Amino acid sequence: MTALHARTGTEMLLVAVRSSSDRFNQPYYFKTSEKVEDFFSLTFKHSLADLVGKFECFCLSGVEGMF
C-alpha cells in the first residue's frame, strides 16, 4: 500500500477488527497519509482510532439487519 501510494498518490485506509470475542487481536488501521485521517476526523468529528474502536464494538455486538 505504501509503494502504491508513493507511485500513484492513491490514498488508502486499511481497517482490521475482530468479529468474535474469542479472538485477541487489537483493532488495527493503516493510512497512507495524514490526509486520510483528517478526512475522517472532519467528516465524523471523531479520531480515526475512535472510529475503528467503534467499528470493532459494532462487529462484536452481533447487531444485524440495520439497513
N, C-alpha and C. Protein backbone atom coordinates (compact mmCIF):
# COMPACT_ATOMS: atom_id res chain seq x y z
N MET A 1 0.83 -1.19 0.00
CA MET A 1 0.00 0.00 0.00
C MET A 1 0.87 1.25 0.00
N THR A 2 1.95 1.20 0.76
CA THR A 2 2.86 2.33 0.81
C THR A 2 3.50 2.58 -0.56
N ALA A 3 3.92 1.50 -1.21
CA ALA A 3 4.55 1.63 -2.52
C ALA A 3 3.54 2.16 -3.56
N LEU A 4 2.31 1.68 -3.51
CA LEU A 4 1.29 2.15 -4.44
C LEU A 4 1.00 3.63 -4.21
N HIS A 5 0.94 4.03 -2.96
CA HIS A 5 0.71 5.44 -2.63
C HIS A 5 1.87 6.30 -3.15
N ALA A 6 3.08 5.83 -2.93
CA ALA A 6 4.25 6.59 -3.38
C ALA A 6 4.29 6.69 -4.91
N ARG A 7 3.89 5.65 -5.57
CA ARG A 7 3.95 5.62 -7.04
C ARG A 7 2.80 6.39 -7.69
N THR A 8 1.58 6.28 -7.13
CA THR A 8 0.41 6.84 -7.81
C THR A 8 -0.28 7.97 -7.06
N GLY A 9 0.03 8.12 -5.78
CA GLY A 9 -0.66 9.13 -4.98
C GLY A 9 -2.02 8.69 -4.48
N THR A 10 -2.36 7.42 -4.69
CA THR A 10 -3.64 6.89 -4.24
C THR A 10 -3.68 6.86 -2.71
N GLU A 11 -4.74 7.42 -2.14
CA GLU A 11 -4.92 7.40 -0.69
C GLU A 11 -5.69 6.15 -0.31
N MET A 12 -5.25 5.49 0.77
CA MET A 12 -5.90 4.25 1.20
C MET A 12 -6.02 4.18 2.71
N LEU A 13 -7.01 3.43 3.14
CA LEU A 13 -7.21 3.14 4.55
C LEU A 13 -7.50 1.65 4.67
N LEU A 14 -6.77 0.98 5.53
CA LEU A 14 -6.99 -0.43 5.82
C LEU A 14 -7.40 -0.53 7.28
N VAL A 15 -8.51 -1.21 7.53
CA VAL A 15 -9.01 -1.39 8.90
C VAL A 15 -9.18 -2.87 9.15
N ALA A 16 -8.66 -3.34 10.28
CA ALA A 16 -8.82 -4.74 10.68
C ALA A 16 -9.30 -4.77 12.13
N VAL A 17 -10.46 -5.37 12.34
CA VAL A 17 -11.02 -5.53 13.69
C VAL A 17 -11.48 -6.97 13.86
N ARG A 18 -11.61 -7.37 15.09
CA ARG A 18 -12.08 -8.74 15.33
C ARG A 18 -13.59 -8.78 15.28
N SER A 19 -14.11 -9.90 14.85
CA SER A 19 -15.56 -10.06 14.76
C SER A 19 -16.07 -11.09 15.76
N SER A 20 -15.17 -11.58 16.59
CA SER A 20 -15.53 -12.56 17.60
C SER A 20 -14.73 -12.28 18.86
N SER A 21 -15.37 -12.38 20.01
CA SER A 21 -14.69 -12.06 21.27
C SER A 21 -13.67 -13.12 21.67
N ASP A 22 -13.64 -14.26 20.98
CA ASP A 22 -12.63 -15.26 21.31
C ASP A 22 -11.31 -15.02 20.57
N ARG A 23 -11.24 -13.95 19.79
CA ARG A 23 -10.00 -13.53 19.14
C ARG A 23 -9.35 -12.46 20.01
N PHE A 24 -8.05 -12.34 19.94
CA PHE A 24 -7.35 -11.43 20.85
C PHE A 24 -6.57 -10.32 20.15
N ASN A 25 -6.73 -10.17 18.83
CA ASN A 25 -6.00 -9.11 18.15
C ASN A 25 -6.61 -7.74 18.47
N GLN A 26 -5.76 -6.74 18.49
CA GLN A 26 -6.22 -5.38 18.72
C GLN A 26 -6.75 -4.78 17.42
N PRO A 27 -7.64 -3.80 17.52
CA PRO A 27 -8.05 -3.10 16.31
C PRO A 27 -6.83 -2.48 15.65
N TYR A 28 -6.79 -2.51 14.33
CA TYR A 28 -5.63 -2.00 13.60
C TYR A 28 -6.10 -1.18 12.42
N TYR A 29 -5.40 -0.09 12.16
CA TYR A 29 -5.64 0.65 10.93
C TYR A 29 -4.33 1.15 10.37
N PHE A 30 -4.29 1.24 9.06
CA PHE A 30 -3.14 1.75 8.34
C PHE A 30 -3.64 2.80 7.37
N LYS A 31 -3.03 3.96 7.38
CA LYS A 31 -3.40 5.03 6.46
C LYS A 31 -2.17 5.44 5.67
N THR A 32 -2.38 5.84 4.43
CA THR A 32 -1.25 6.20 3.58
C THR A 32 -0.74 7.61 3.83
N SER A 33 -1.58 8.46 4.44
CA SER A 33 -1.12 9.82 4.78
C SER A 33 -2.04 10.42 5.82
N GLU A 34 -1.63 11.56 6.33
CA GLU A 34 -2.45 12.28 7.30
C GLU A 34 -3.75 12.79 6.67
N LYS A 35 -3.76 12.93 5.36
CA LYS A 35 -4.96 13.40 4.65
C LYS A 35 -6.13 12.46 4.92
N VAL A 36 -5.85 11.17 4.98
CA VAL A 36 -6.90 10.18 5.24
C VAL A 36 -7.49 10.40 6.63
N GLU A 37 -6.62 10.54 7.61
CA GLU A 37 -7.10 10.75 8.98
C GLU A 37 -7.84 12.07 9.10
N ASP A 38 -7.34 13.12 8.46
CA ASP A 38 -8.02 14.42 8.50
C ASP A 38 -9.43 14.33 7.93
N PHE A 39 -9.59 13.62 6.83
CA PHE A 39 -10.91 13.47 6.22
C PHE A 39 -11.90 12.83 7.19
N PHE A 40 -11.51 11.71 7.79
CA PHE A 40 -12.43 11.02 8.69
C PHE A 40 -12.70 11.83 9.95
N SER A 41 -11.69 12.51 10.46
CA SER A 41 -11.89 13.34 11.65
C SER A 41 -12.83 14.50 11.37
N LEU A 42 -12.67 15.14 10.22
CA LEU A 42 -13.54 16.27 9.88
C LEU A 42 -14.95 15.81 9.54
N THR A 43 -15.07 14.67 8.89
CA THR A 43 -16.38 14.18 8.47
C THR A 43 -17.20 13.64 9.62
N PHE A 44 -16.57 12.87 10.51
CA PHE A 44 -17.31 12.20 11.57
C PHE A 44 -17.10 12.80 12.96
N LYS A 45 -16.25 13.81 13.05
CA LYS A 45 -15.98 14.50 14.32
C LYS A 45 -15.42 13.58 15.40
N HIS A 46 -14.71 12.53 14.97
CA HIS A 46 -14.02 11.61 15.86
C HIS A 46 -12.69 11.25 15.23
N SER A 47 -11.73 10.90 16.05
CA SER A 47 -10.45 10.47 15.50
C SER A 47 -10.62 9.13 14.80
N LEU A 48 -9.69 8.82 13.94
CA LEU A 48 -9.73 7.54 13.22
C LEU A 48 -9.63 6.38 14.21
N ALA A 49 -8.81 6.53 15.23
CA ALA A 49 -8.69 5.48 16.25
C ALA A 49 -10.02 5.23 16.95
N ASP A 50 -10.75 6.30 17.26
CA ASP A 50 -12.07 6.16 17.89
C ASP A 50 -13.06 5.45 16.95
N LEU A 51 -13.03 5.82 15.68
CA LEU A 51 -13.95 5.21 14.72
C LEU A 51 -13.65 3.72 14.55
N VAL A 52 -12.38 3.37 14.52
CA VAL A 52 -12.00 1.96 14.40
C VAL A 52 -12.46 1.19 15.65
N GLY A 53 -12.31 1.79 16.82
CA GLY A 53 -12.79 1.17 18.05
C GLY A 53 -14.30 0.98 18.04
N LYS A 54 -15.03 1.97 17.55
CA LYS A 54 -16.48 1.86 17.45
C LYS A 54 -16.89 0.78 16.44
N PHE A 55 -16.13 0.69 15.35
CA PHE A 55 -16.40 -0.34 14.35
C PHE A 55 -16.21 -1.73 14.95
N GLU A 56 -15.15 -1.91 15.75
CA GLU A 56 -14.94 -3.20 16.39
C GLU A 56 -16.09 -3.52 17.34
N CYS A 57 -16.51 -2.55 18.12
CA CYS A 57 -17.65 -2.77 19.03
C CYS A 57 -18.89 -3.18 18.26
N PHE A 58 -19.13 -2.54 17.13
CA PHE A 58 -20.28 -2.89 16.30
C PHE A 58 -20.16 -4.33 15.81
N CYS A 59 -18.97 -4.71 15.34
CA CYS A 59 -18.76 -6.07 14.83
C CYS A 59 -18.91 -7.11 15.94
N LEU A 60 -18.48 -6.78 17.15
CA LEU A 60 -18.59 -7.71 18.27
C LEU A 60 -20.01 -7.79 18.83
N SER A 61 -20.80 -6.76 18.61
CA SER A 61 -22.14 -6.71 19.22
C SER A 61 -23.10 -7.72 18.60
N GLY A 62 -22.85 -8.10 17.36
CA GLY A 62 -23.74 -9.05 16.70
C GLY A 62 -25.00 -8.43 16.14
N VAL A 63 -25.06 -7.11 16.10
CA VAL A 63 -26.23 -6.43 15.55
C VAL A 63 -26.31 -6.72 14.06
N GLU A 64 -27.50 -7.08 13.61
CA GLU A 64 -27.71 -7.37 12.18
C GLU A 64 -28.99 -6.72 11.70
N GLY A 65 -29.08 -6.54 10.42
CA GLY A 65 -30.32 -6.06 9.80
C GLY A 65 -30.63 -4.61 10.06
N MET A 66 -29.63 -3.77 10.24
CA MET A 66 -29.89 -2.35 10.49
C MET A 66 -30.22 -1.61 9.22
N PHE A 67 -29.79 -2.10 8.07
CA PHE A 67 -30.00 -1.36 6.81
C PHE A 67 -30.84 -2.16 5.87
